[in-house]
Amino acid sequence: MALEDYFEDFIIQSKVYIDTGFGTFEPQYTDGANFRAGISTNSSVEAQIAERNGMKTIYTIVHLPSITLHKDDRVRRIRDGRMYRITSDSADMTTPAIADVRYAQVTAEVIS
């Protein structure tokens, strides 16, 4: 079974600025490129303690290294429309080129 068998569909959100009509601009997000990724909650001891203390749940998103996600990017899971804010860079956690299974991963949090 391949790693991609566990992936589901996501959409990268593109940021555009809309004129409010009052001399300011507000960011809005529109659908960008589709990609496939796997997602799970971070169940480390540190994450569990932080969650009990009122912090947001931390997610790990695993994707193919053909795309790069950056801190503060937003992605939307197609299945339920849930929006995630990326909290790390996939360039920091990418398997080496010699690896049999190539992937990259980022951490994320749910945003409303």
Protein backbone atom coordinates (compact mmCIF):
# COMPACT_ATOMS: atom_id res chain seq x y z
CA MET A 1 0.00 0.00 0.00
CA ALA A 2 1.37 3.39 -0.98
CA LEU A 3 1.42 6.47 1.23
CA GLU A 4 -0.88 8.26 -1.23
CA ASP A 5 -3.61 5.67 -0.59
CA TYR A 6 -4.30 7.51 2.68
CA PHE A 7 -4.48 10.99 1.11
CA GLU A 8 -7.59 13.07 0.55
CA ASP A 9 -8.32 16.20 -1.48
CA PHE A 10 -7.34 19.70 -0.31
CA ILE A 11 -7.32 23.14 -1.97
CA ILE A 12 -4.65 25.79 -1.36
CA GLN A 13 -6.30 29.13 -0.65
CA SER A 14 -5.00 32.15 -2.54
CA LYS A 15 -5.00 35.49 -0.75
CA VAL A 16 -6.43 38.48 -2.60
CA TYR A 17 -7.05 41.96 -1.22
CA ILE A 18 -10.49 43.52 -1.67
CA ASP A 19 -11.10 47.28 -1.51
CA THR A 20 -13.54 47.97 1.33
CA GLY A 21 -14.61 51.28 -0.16
CA PHE A 22 -13.38 53.10 2.93
CA GLY A 23 -9.76 53.50 1.90
CA THR A 24 -8.62 50.14 3.25
CA PHE A 25 -8.12 46.68 1.84
CA GLU A 26 -9.12 43.41 3.49
CA PRO A 27 -7.68 40.00 2.66
CA GLN A 28 -10.02 37.37 1.26
CA TYR A 29 -9.20 33.81 0.34
CA THR A 30 -10.24 32.10 -2.87
CA ASP A 31 -9.73 28.56 -4.09
CA GLY A 32 -6.38 27.92 -5.73
CA ALA A 33 -4.65 24.69 -6.71
CA ASN A 34 -5.91 21.26 -5.68
CA PHE A 35 -3.57 18.80 -4.01
CA ARG A 36 -3.77 15.56 -2.07
CA ALA A 37 -2.55 15.12 1.50
CA GLY A 38 -3.00 13.09 4.64
CA ILE A 39 -3.91 14.71 7.94
CA SER A 40 -3.82 13.59 11.56
CA THR A 41 -3.82 15.18 14.98
CA ASN A 42 -0.52 15.59 16.75
CA SER A 43 -0.75 13.28 19.76
CA SER A 44 2.61 14.02 21.37
CA VAL A 45 2.66 14.56 25.13
CA GLU A 46 3.48 18.24 24.63
CA ALA A 47 0.52 18.69 22.27
CA GLN A 48 -1.84 16.95 24.70
CA ILE A 49 -0.71 19.17 27.59
CA ALA A 50 -1.07 22.31 25.48
CA GLU A 51 -4.57 21.25 24.37
CA ARG A 52 -5.64 20.71 27.99
CA ASN A 53 -4.38 24.21 28.80
CA GLY A 54 -6.66 25.76 26.19
CA MET A 55 -4.38 25.77 23.15
CA LYS A 56 -5.66 24.74 19.73
CA THR A 57 -5.34 21.19 18.47
CA ILE A 58 -2.22 20.72 16.37
CA TYR A 59 -2.50 18.77 13.12
CA THR A 60 0.16 17.23 10.92
CA ILE A 61 -0.39 17.40 7.16
CA VAL A 62 1.69 15.05 5.00
CA HIS A 63 1.92 15.74 1.26
CA LEU A 64 4.08 14.97 -1.74
CA PRO A 65 7.17 17.17 -2.08
CA SER A 66 5.99 18.42 -5.48
CA ILE A 67 4.28 21.30 -3.65
CA THR A 68 5.64 23.55 -0.91
CA LEU A 69 3.46 24.89 1.88
CA HIS A 70 4.64 27.91 3.86
CA LYS A 71 3.84 29.27 7.30
CA ASP A 72 0.51 31.13 7.32
CA ASP A 73 -0.71 29.52 4.07
CA ARG A 74 -4.29 28.35 4.27
CA VAL A 75 -5.67 25.10 2.92
CA ARG A 76 -9.23 23.80 2.82
CA ARG A 77 -10.15 20.13 3.11
CA ILE A 78 -12.73 19.38 0.42
CA ARG A 79 -14.54 16.62 2.35
CA ASP A 80 -15.92 18.93 5.04
CA GLY A 81 -14.76 22.44 4.07
CA ARG A 82 -12.59 22.75 7.20
CA MET A 83 -9.94 25.46 6.86
CA TYR A 84 -6.41 25.01 8.23
CA ARG A 85 -3.65 27.58 8.78
CA ILE A 86 -0.19 26.17 8.17
CA THR A 87 2.13 26.80 11.13
CA SER A 88 5.44 25.54 9.70
CA ASP A 89 7.26 25.24 6.36
CA SER A 90 7.28 21.97 4.41
CA ALA A 91 10.83 22.75 3.25
CA ASP A 92 11.91 22.17 6.86
CA MET A 93 10.56 18.61 6.89
CA THR A 94 11.07 16.94 3.53
CA THR A 95 12.55 13.50 3.07
CA PRO A 96 15.91 13.38 1.25
CA ALA A 97 15.96 12.64 -2.49
CA ILE A 98 17.45 9.20 -1.85
CA ALA A 99 14.50 8.07 0.33
CA ASP A 100 12.26 5.29 -0.94
CA VAL A 101 9.13 7.09 0.21
CA ARG A 102 9.20 10.80 -0.61
CA TYR A 103 7.01 13.20 1.35
CA ALA A 104 6.95 16.53 3.15
CA GLN A 105 4.99 17.55 6.20
CA VAL A 106 3.76 20.64 7.98
CA THR A 107 1.91 21.42 11.18
CA ALA A 108 -1.43 23.23 11.07
CA GLU A 109 -4.33 24.46 13.16
CA VAL A 110 -8.02 24.81 12.39
CA ILE A 111 -9.30 28.31 11.74
CA SER A 112 -12.89 29.45 11.53
